[in-house]
Amino acid sequence: MKRAVKAVIRVRRNDCDVAAKLYSMGLKALSVKVKPGPERSIHIITLERGPGPEEVRELGGERVGPRTVVSISRSCSACRLMSQLDVYLVGDKPLDEERVDYYIIAPSRGKLRSAMAKLGEAGLSPRLISEEELRELGLTARQLEFLLLAYREGLFCVKRRTTLSELAGKLGVKPGSLEDVVRRALKKVVEYYLRQEGLIPPDAAIDACEA
């Protein structure tokens, strides 16, 4: 059975406005969560130290915590391509002004290899730092693929941009079948989160489905 894979991919690009501004101001990002888009990308940046008002303005962002800034900027070549690949971008970590590590989840190793190939074709010099199967999460390749599409197309947005019926049409499956796959996938994701946060015991089976 194909399993989802989590991986770290290192790429090199020189057109990231956010990275350029961070390093020009001497700010170090501890972590960055990105929602990549074909034109613009949203960055949630946690810094080593709290930024000043001028630094926040220079980043074109808004301060949402003592050391956290949300910035919306033009997508760099890497984020633009990442928004089109069949992988889910969990976050990234800038290493310097050009290099960045992307933390991704792919529906399968085949999808991961395809993403690496496309990044290489785009001249981003990808390097696979690590990869491992997501056994704990338990998602099948099909479940993750459908869940990624639903997320990317805006099914979970407050102002919903698509419906299950529309997604089912794109996938060539029945709406009821898609709903079942997405519901099962979401159950696994929520259960994994609750266990990771210690809200339910590791080996407990306490949901209504098991009752």
C-alpha atoms as a PDB file:
ATOM      1  CA  MET A   1       0.000   0.000   0.000  1.00  0.00           C
ATOM      2  CA  LYS A   2       1.279   3.454  -0.890  1.00  0.00           C
ATOM      3  CA  ARG A   3       1.839   5.654   2.136  1.00  0.00           C
ATOM      4  CA  ALA A   4       2.177   9.374   2.588  1.00  0.00           C
ATOM      5  CA  VAL A   5       5.733  10.652   2.980  1.00  0.00           C
ATOM      6  CA  LYS A   6       7.092  13.605   4.917  1.00  0.00           C
ATOM      7  CA  ALA A   7      10.286  15.108   3.570  1.00  0.00           C
ATOM      8  CA  VAL A   8      12.643  18.060   3.746  1.00  0.00           C
ATOM      9  CA  ILE A   9      13.719  19.514   0.400  1.00  0.00           C
ATOM     10  CA  ARG A  10      16.449  22.151   0.148  1.00  0.00           C
ATOM     11  CA  VAL A  11      16.253  24.518  -2.819  1.00  0.00           C
ATOM     12  CA  ARG A  12      18.173  27.566  -3.977  1.00  0.00           C
ATOM     13  CA  ARG A  13      16.473  30.704  -5.287  1.00  0.00           C
ATOM     14  CA  ASN A  14      17.465  34.371  -5.372  1.00  0.00           C
ATOM     15  CA  ASP A  15      14.135  36.125  -5.844  1.00  0.00           C
ATOM     16  CA  CYS A  16      12.480  35.851  -2.402  1.00  0.00           C
ATOM     17  CA  ASP A  17      11.538  39.343  -1.214  1.00  0.00           C
ATOM     18  CA  VAL A  18      10.877  38.173   2.354  1.00  0.00           C
ATOM     19  CA  ALA A  19      14.256  36.426   2.731  1.00  0.00           C
ATOM     20  CA  ALA A  20      16.080  39.414   1.225  1.00  0.00           C
ATOM     21  CA  LYS A  21      14.415  41.825   3.666  1.00  0.00           C
ATOM     22  CA  LEU A  22      15.024  39.575   6.673  1.00  0.00           C
ATOM     23  CA  TYR A  23      18.736  39.313   5.976  1.00  0.00           C
ATOM     24  CA  SER A  24      19.149  42.975   5.040  1.00  0.00           C
ATOM     25  CA  MET A  25      17.760  43.898   8.485  1.00  0.00           C
ATOM     26  CA  GLY A  26      19.727  41.218  10.329  1.00  0.00           C
ATOM     27  CA  LEU A  27      16.578  39.365  11.414  1.00  0.00           C
ATOM     28  CA  LYS A  28      16.787  35.596  11.919  1.00  0.00           C
ATOM     29  CA  ALA A  29      13.703  33.476  11.291  1.00  0.00           C
ATOM     30  CA  LEU A  30      13.318  30.505  13.630  1.00  0.00           C
ATOM     31  CA  SER A  31      10.444  29.144  11.549  1.00  0.00           C
ATOM     32  CA  VAL A  32       8.253  30.169   8.638  1.00  0.00           C
ATOM     33  CA  LYS A  33       4.854  28.746   7.751  1.00  0.00           C
ATOM     34  CA  VAL A  34       3.904  29.483   4.161  1.00  0.00           C
ATOM     35  CA  LYS A  35       0.680  29.330   2.172  1.00  0.00           C
ATOM     36  CA  PRO A  36       2.211  29.468  -1.331  1.00  0.00           C
ATOM     37  CA  GLY A  37       0.290  30.877  -4.264  1.00  0.00           C
ATOM     38  CA  PRO A  38       0.896  31.379  -7.992  1.00  0.00           C
ATOM     39  CA  GLU A  39       1.087  35.164  -7.560  1.00  0.00           C
ATOM     40  CA  ARG A  40       1.338  35.968  -3.846  1.00  0.00           C
ATOM     41  CA  SER A  41       2.260  33.921  -0.776  1.00  0.00           C
ATOM     42  CA  ILE A  42       1.370  34.297   2.902  1.00  0.00           C
ATOM     43  CA  HIS A  43       4.271  33.950   5.357  1.00  0.00           C
ATOM     44  CA  ILE A  44       3.845  33.476   9.123  1.00  0.00           C
ATOM     45  CA  ILE A  45       7.325  34.278  10.423  1.00  0.00           C
ATOM     46  CA  THR A  46       8.549  33.552  13.951  1.00  0.00           C
ATOM     47  CA  LEU A  47      11.720  35.534  14.619  1.00  0.00           C
ATOM     48  CA  GLU A  48      14.595  35.049  17.041  1.00  0.00           C
ATOM     49  CA  ARG A  49      13.805  38.446  18.559  1.00  0.00           C
ATOM     50  CA  GLY A  50      10.825  40.762  18.530  1.00  0.00           C
ATOM     51  CA  PRO A  51      10.890  43.089  15.499  1.00  0.00           C
ATOM     52  CA  GLY A  52      10.529  46.844  15.822  1.00  0.00           C
ATOM     53  CA  PRO A  53       7.714  48.821  14.135  1.00  0.00           C
ATOM     54  CA  GLU A  54       9.992  49.884  11.256  1.00  0.00           C
ATOM     55  CA  GLU A  55      11.089  46.295  10.653  1.00  0.00           C
ATOM     56  CA  VAL A  56       7.476  45.100  10.575  1.00  0.00           C
ATOM     57  CA  ARG A  57       6.632  47.821   8.041  1.00  0.00           C
ATOM     58  CA  GLU A  58       9.671  46.916   5.936  1.00  0.00           C
ATOM     59  CA  LEU A  59       8.452  43.306   5.817  1.00  0.00           C
ATOM     60  CA  GLY A  60       5.084  44.593   4.625  1.00  0.00           C
ATOM     61  CA  GLY A  61       3.455  42.623   7.383  1.00  0.00           C
ATOM     62  CA  GLU A  62       1.451  42.739  10.576  1.00  0.00           C
ATOM     63  CA  ARG A  63       2.680  41.783  14.018  1.00  0.00           C
ATOM     64  CA  VAL A  64       0.512  39.038  15.535  1.00  0.00           C
ATOM     65  CA  GLY A  65       2.688  38.069  18.500  1.00  0.00           C
ATOM     66  CA  PRO A  66       5.798  39.165  20.424  1.00  0.00           C
ATOM     67  CA  ARG A  67       8.085  37.632  17.771  1.00  0.00           C
ATOM     68  CA  THR A  68       5.644  36.672  15.009  1.00  0.00           C
ATOM     69  CA  VAL A  69       4.804  38.593  11.839  1.00  0.00           C
ATOM     70  CA  VAL A  70       2.380  37.778   9.018  1.00  0.00           C
ATOM     71  CA  SER A  71       3.621  39.010   5.652  1.00  0.00           C
ATOM     72  CA  ILE A  72       1.947  38.768   2.235  1.00  0.00           C
ATOM     73  CA  SER A  73       4.384  39.192  -0.634  1.00  0.00           C
ATOM     74  CA  ARG A  74       5.026  38.404  -4.268  1.00  0.00           C
ATOM     75  CA  SER A  75       5.659  34.673  -4.679  1.00  0.00           C
ATOM     76  CA  CYS A  76       9.258  33.731  -5.371  1.00  0.00           C
ATOM     77  CA  SER A  77      10.040  31.139  -8.058  1.00  0.00           C
ATOM     78  CA  ALA A  78      10.117  28.333  -5.469  1.00  0.00           C
ATOM     79  CA  CYS A  79       6.819  29.198  -3.741  1.00  0.00           C
ATOM     80  CA  ARG A  80       5.138  29.759  -7.100  1.00  0.00           C
ATOM     81  CA  LEU A  81       6.093  26.241  -8.201  1.00  0.00           C
ATOM     82  CA  MET A  82       5.328  24.685  -4.797  1.00  0.00           C
ATOM     83  CA  SER A  83       1.748  25.977  -5.095  1.00  0.00           C
ATOM     84  CA  GLN A  84       1.326  23.849  -8.240  1.00  0.00           C
ATOM     85  CA  LEU A  85       2.884  20.588  -7.056  1.00  0.00           C
ATOM     86  CA  ASP A  86       0.976  17.594  -5.653  1.00  0.00           C
ATOM     87  CA  VAL A  87       2.481  18.031  -2.195  1.00  0.00           C
ATOM     88  CA  TYR A  88       1.437  19.874   0.965  1.00  0.00           C
ATOM     89  CA  LEU A  89       3.839  22.518   2.236  1.00  0.00           C
ATOM     90  CA  VAL A  90       3.947  22.340   6.047  1.00  0.00           C
ATOM     91  CA  GLY A  91       6.513  25.114   6.497  1.00  0.00           C
ATOM     92  CA  ASP A  92       9.966  26.277   5.561  1.00  0.00           C
ATOM     93  CA  LYS A  93      13.193  27.442   7.171  1.00  0.00           C
ATOM     94  CA  PRO A  94      15.431  29.985   5.407  1.00  0.00           C
ATOM     95  CA  LEU A  95      19.109  29.037   5.731  1.00  0.00           C
ATOM     96  CA  ASP A  96      20.429  32.208   4.102  1.00  0.00           C
ATOM     97  CA  GLU A  97      19.267  34.709   1.488  1.00  0.00           C
ATOM     98  CA  GLU A  98      19.222  32.036  -1.248  1.00  0.00           C
ATOM     99  CA  ARG A  99      18.800  28.614   0.377  1.00  0.00           C
ATOM    100  CA  VAL A 100      15.631  27.399   2.056  1.00  0.00           C
ATOM    101  CA  ASP A 101      14.459  24.052   3.460  1.00  0.00           C
ATOM    102  CA  TYR A 102      10.863  23.150   2.600  1.00  0.00           C
ATOM    103  CA  TYR A 103       9.044  20.746   4.941  1.00  0.00           C
ATOM    104  CA  ILE A 104       6.466  18.902   2.854  1.00  0.00           C
ATOM    105  CA  ILE A 105       4.058  15.983   2.906  1.00  0.00           C
ATOM    106  CA  ALA A 106       3.601  14.013  -0.319  1.00  0.00           C
ATOM    107  CA  PRO A 107       0.840  11.448  -0.984  1.00  0.00           C
ATOM    108  CA  SER A 108       3.489   8.903  -2.028  1.00  0.00           C
ATOM    109  CA  ARG A 109       7.182   8.537  -2.841  1.00  0.00           C
ATOM    110  CA  GLY A 110       6.231   8.748  -6.520  1.00  0.00           C
ATOM    111  CA  LYS A 111       4.702  12.197  -5.965  1.00  0.00           C
ATOM    112  CA  LEU A 112       7.827  13.208  -4.021  1.00  0.00           C
ATOM    113  CA  ARG A 113      10.096  12.125  -6.901  1.00  0.00           C
ATOM    114  CA  SER A 114       7.878  14.015  -9.348  1.00  0.00           C
ATOM    115  CA  ALA A 115       8.118  17.169  -7.210  1.00  0.00           C
ATOM    116  CA  MET A 116      11.915  16.852  -7.036  1.00  0.00           C
ATOM    117  CA  ALA A 117      12.102  16.483 -10.824  1.00  0.00           C
ATOM    118  CA  LYS A 118       9.964  19.572 -11.455  1.00  0.00           C
ATOM    119  CA  LEU A 119      11.983  21.642  -8.979  1.00  0.00           C
ATOM    120  CA  GLY A 120      15.135  20.552 -10.808  1.00  0.00           C
ATOM    121  CA  GLU A 121      13.675  21.437 -14.206  1.00  0.00           C
ATOM    122  CA  ALA A 122      12.912  24.917 -12.844  1.00  0.00           C
ATOM    123  CA  GLY A 123      16.584  25.430 -11.964  1.00  0.00           C
ATOM    124  CA  LEU A 124      16.044  25.393  -8.187  1.00  0.00           C
ATOM    125  CA  SER A 125      18.801  22.819  -7.484  1.00  0.00           C
ATOM    126  CA  PRO A 126      16.674  20.642  -5.159  1.00  0.00           C
ATOM    127  CA  ARG A 127      18.361  18.397  -2.607  1.00  0.00           C
ATOM    128  CA  LEU A 128      16.446  15.795  -0.609  1.00  0.00           C
ATOM    129  CA  ILE A 129      17.569  16.220   3.006  1.00  0.00           C
ATOM    130  CA  SER A 130      15.309  13.585   4.583  1.00  0.00           C
ATOM    131  CA  GLU A 131      12.224  11.475   3.926  1.00  0.00           C
ATOM    132  CA  GLU A 132      10.150   8.976   5.882  1.00  0.00           C
ATOM    133  CA  GLU A 133       6.741   7.355   5.671  1.00  0.00           C
ATOM    134  CA  LEU A 134       3.992   8.926   7.762  1.00  0.00           C
ATOM    135  CA  ARG A 135       3.000   5.706   9.501  1.00  0.00           C
ATOM    136  CA  GLU A 136       1.701   7.463  12.627  1.00  0.00           C
ATOM    137  CA  LEU A 137      -0.744   9.593  10.665  1.00  0.00           C
ATOM    138  CA  GLY A 138      -2.026   6.537   8.806  1.00  0.00           C
ATOM    139  CA  LEU A 139      -3.304   8.339   5.690  1.00  0.00           C
ATOM    140  CA  THR A 140      -3.365   6.368   2.469  1.00  0.00           C
ATOM    141  CA  ALA A 141      -1.982   7.995  -0.687  1.00  0.00           C
ATOM    142  CA  ARG A 142      -5.541   8.381  -2.014  1.00  0.00           C
ATOM    143  CA  GLN A 143      -6.806  10.005   1.192  1.00  0.00           C
ATOM    144  CA  LEU A 144      -3.956  12.515   1.283  1.00  0.00           C
ATOM    145  CA  GLU A 145      -4.268  13.289  -2.428  1.00  0.00           C
ATOM    146  CA  PHE A 146      -7.992  14.066  -2.076  1.00  0.00           C
ATOM    147  CA  LEU A 147      -7.423  16.013   1.152  1.00  0.00           C
ATOM    148  CA  LEU A 148      -4.687  18.119  -0.471  1.00  0.00           C
ATOM    149  CA  LEU A 149      -6.916  18.931  -3.430  1.00  0.00           C
ATOM    150  CA  ALA A 150      -9.789  19.900  -1.130  1.00  0.00           C
ATOM    151  CA  TYR A 151      -7.467  22.179   0.854  1.00  0.00           C
ATOM    152  CA  ARG A 152      -5.880  23.731  -2.238  1.00  0.00           C
ATOM    153  CA  GLU A 153      -9.215  24.374  -3.950  1.00  0.00           C
ATOM    154  CA  GLY A 154     -10.626  26.147  -0.878  1.00  0.00           C
ATOM    155  CA  LEU A 155     -13.120  23.624   0.512  1.00  0.00           C
ATOM    156  CA  PHE A 156     -12.117  24.519   4.091  1.00  0.00           C
ATOM    157  CA  CYS A 157     -12.098  28.311   3.636  1.00  0.00           C
ATOM    158  CA  VAL A 158     -14.559  30.334   5.736  1.00  0.00           C
ATOM    159  CA  LYS A 159     -15.938  31.667   2.451  1.00  0.00           C
ATOM    160  CA  ARG A 160     -15.953  28.300   0.724  1.00  0.00           C
ATOM    161  CA  ARG A 161     -14.529  28.527  -2.804  1.00  0.00           C
ATOM    162  CA  THR A 162     -15.603  25.079  -3.964  1.00  0.00           C
ATOM    163  CA  THR A 163     -17.915  22.189  -3.067  1.00  0.00           C
ATOM    164  CA  LEU A 164     -17.488  18.439  -2.752  1.00  0.00           C
ATOM    165  CA  SER A 165     -19.588  18.004  -5.894  1.00  0.00           C
ATOM    166  CA  GLU A 166     -17.261  20.273  -7.882  1.00  0.00           C
ATOM    167  CA  LEU A 167     -14.185  18.470  -6.569  1.00  0.00           C
ATOM    168  CA  ALA A 168     -15.738  15.091  -7.334  1.00  0.00           C
ATOM    169  CA  GLY A 169     -16.312  16.251 -10.915  1.00  0.00           C
ATOM    170  CA  LYS A 170     -12.643  17.182 -11.284  1.00  0.00           C
ATOM    171  CA  LEU A 171     -11.558  13.820  -9.880  1.00  0.00           C
ATOM    172  CA  GLY A 172     -14.081  11.778 -11.824  1.00  0.00           C
ATOM    173  CA  VAL A 173     -15.606  10.177  -8.719  1.00  0.00           C
ATOM    174  CA  LYS A 174     -19.038  10.276  -7.088  1.00  0.00           C
ATOM    175  CA  PRO A 175     -19.599  13.033  -4.478  1.00  0.00           C
ATOM    176  CA  GLY A 176     -20.563  10.427  -1.876  1.00  0.00           C
ATOM    177  CA  SER A 177     -17.324   8.506  -2.429  1.00  0.00           C
ATOM    178  CA  LEU A 178     -15.254  11.686  -2.134  1.00  0.00           C
ATOM    179  CA  GLU A 179     -17.085  12.717   1.037  1.00  0.00           C
ATOM    180  CA  ASP A 180     -16.334   9.331   2.601  1.00  0.00           C
ATOM    181  CA  VAL A 181     -12.610   9.515   1.724  1.00  0.00           C
ATOM    182  CA  VAL A 182     -12.260  13.101   2.987  1.00  0.00           C
ATOM    183  CA  ARG A 183     -14.179  12.344   6.211  1.00  0.00           C
ATOM    184  CA  ARG A 184     -11.983   9.315   6.961  1.00  0.00           C
ATOM    185  CA  ALA A 185      -8.855  11.352   6.210  1.00  0.00           C
ATOM    186  CA  LEU A 186      -9.950  14.237   8.439  1.00  0.00           C
ATOM    187  CA  LYS A 187     -10.707  11.793  11.278  1.00  0.00           C
ATOM    188  CA  LYS A 188      -7.127  10.495  11.106  1.00  0.00           C
ATOM    189  CA  VAL A 189      -5.668  14.012  11.006  1.00  0.00           C
ATOM    190  CA  VAL A 190      -7.735  15.190  13.997  1.00  0.00           C
ATOM    191  CA  GLU A 191      -6.973  12.023  15.973  1.00  0.00           C
ATOM    192  CA  TYR A 192      -3.245  12.397  15.244  1.00  0.00           C
ATOM    193  CA  TYR A 193      -3.327  16.029  16.416  1.00  0.00           C
ATOM    194  CA  LEU A 194      -5.190  15.163  19.629  1.00  0.00           C
ATOM    195  CA  ARG A 195      -2.702  12.406  20.458  1.00  0.00           C
ATOM    196  CA  GLN A 196       0.296  14.633  19.668  1.00  0.00           C
ATOM    197  CA  GLU A 197      -1.083  17.330  21.968  1.00  0.00           C
ATOM    198  CA  GLY A 198      -1.650  14.785  24.740  1.00  0.00           C
ATOM    199  CA  LEU A 199      -5.409  15.387  24.791  1.00  0.00           C
ATOM    200  CA  ILE A 200      -6.151  11.671  24.436  1.00  0.00           C
ATOM    201  CA  PRO A 201      -3.943   8.747  25.555  1.00  0.00           C
ATOM    202  CA  PRO A 202      -1.640   7.275  22.852  1.00  0.00           C
ATOM    203  CA  ASP A 203      -3.407   3.895  22.689  1.00  0.00           C
ATOM    204  CA  ALA A 204      -6.926   4.988  23.562  1.00  0.00           C
ATOM    205  CA  ALA A 205      -9.884   4.354  21.262  1.00  0.00           C
ATOM    206  CA  ILE A 206     -12.459   6.736  22.669  1.00  0.00           C
ATOM    207  CA  ASP A 207     -14.171   8.256  19.641  1.00  0.00           C
ATOM    208  CA  ALA A 208     -17.844   7.646  18.869  1.00  0.00           C
ATOM    209  CA  CYS A 209     -16.958   5.453  15.871  1.00  0.00           C
ATOM    210  CA  GLU A 210     -15.490   2.822  18.196  1.00  0.00           C
ATOM    211  CA  ALA A 211     -18.293   2.944  20.766  1.00  0.00           C
END
